[in-house]
Amino acid sequence: MEKAMHGSRGVGYEVYRQNHEVRMNVERQREEEYVESRRLVADHNRKFTNHIS
């Protein structure tokens, strides 16, 4: 988990766990990535559905 956290977010789990500001920044990034991925999926599905029709 430590390697994954450091690799994807550039911060170790201990720092994430202990520092509220770091934790909030990481969670904000996760939320933005989630919203963007949902947008991409919706766009892909819309294109796919329109292509089939």
Protein backbone atom coordinates (compact mmCIF):
# COMPACT_ATOMS: atom_id res chain seq x y z
CA MET A 1 0.00 0.00 0.00
CA GLU A 2 2.87 2.35 0.79
CA LYS A 3 4.44 1.89 -2.66
CA ALA A 4 1.12 2.31 -4.44
CA MET A 5 0.27 5.45 -2.50
CA HIS A 6 3.68 6.94 -3.09
CA GLY A 7 3.68 5.98 -6.76
CA SER A 8 0.22 7.33 -7.55
CA ARG A 9 0.09 10.36 -5.25
CA GLY A 10 3.72 11.16 -4.50
CA VAL A 11 3.13 10.91 -0.76
CA GLY A 12 3.63 8.08 1.68
CA TYR A 13 0.76 6.59 3.64
CA GLU A 14 2.10 7.79 7.00
CA VAL A 15 2.21 11.39 5.79
CA TYR A 16 -1.27 10.94 4.30
CA ARG A 17 -2.57 9.49 7.56
CA GLN A 18 -1.04 12.14 9.82
CA ASN A 19 -1.38 15.33 7.78
CA HIS A 20 -4.94 16.56 7.25
CA GLU A 21 -4.01 19.02 4.49
CA VAL A 22 -2.18 16.33 2.51
CA ARG A 23 -5.10 13.95 3.00
CA MET A 24 -7.58 16.56 1.74
CA ASN A 25 -5.44 17.25 -1.34
CA VAL A 26 -5.19 13.54 -2.14
CA GLU A 27 -8.94 13.07 -1.71
CA ARG A 28 -9.64 16.12 -3.90
CA GLN A 29 -7.42 14.62 -6.63
CA ARG A 30 -9.19 11.28 -6.32
CA GLU A 31 -12.58 12.95 -6.64
CA GLU A 32 -11.48 14.90 -9.73
CA GLU A 33 -10.11 11.72 -11.34
CA TYR A 34 -13.34 9.87 -10.52
CA VAL A 35 -15.51 12.60 -12.05
CA GLU A 36 -13.32 12.71 -15.16
CA SER A 37 -13.46 8.92 -15.56
CA ARG A 38 -17.28 8.97 -15.26
CA ARG A 39 -17.36 11.72 -17.91
CA LEU A 40 -15.17 9.66 -20.24
CA VAL A 41 -17.32 6.55 -19.78
CA ALA A 42 -20.52 8.49 -20.42
CA ASP A 43 -19.02 10.04 -23.55
CA HIS A 44 -17.82 6.66 -24.79
CA ASN A 45 -21.21 5.06 -24.12
CA ARG A 46 -23.00 7.90 -25.90
CA LYS A 47 -20.74 7.54 -28.97
CA PHE A 48 -21.13 3.76 -28.94
CA THR A 49 -24.92 3.94 -28.63
CA ASN A 50 -25.16 6.54 -31.42
CA HIS A 51 -22.92 4.44 -33.65
CA ILE A 52 -25.13 1.34 -33.25
CA SER A 53 -28.39 3.16 -33.98
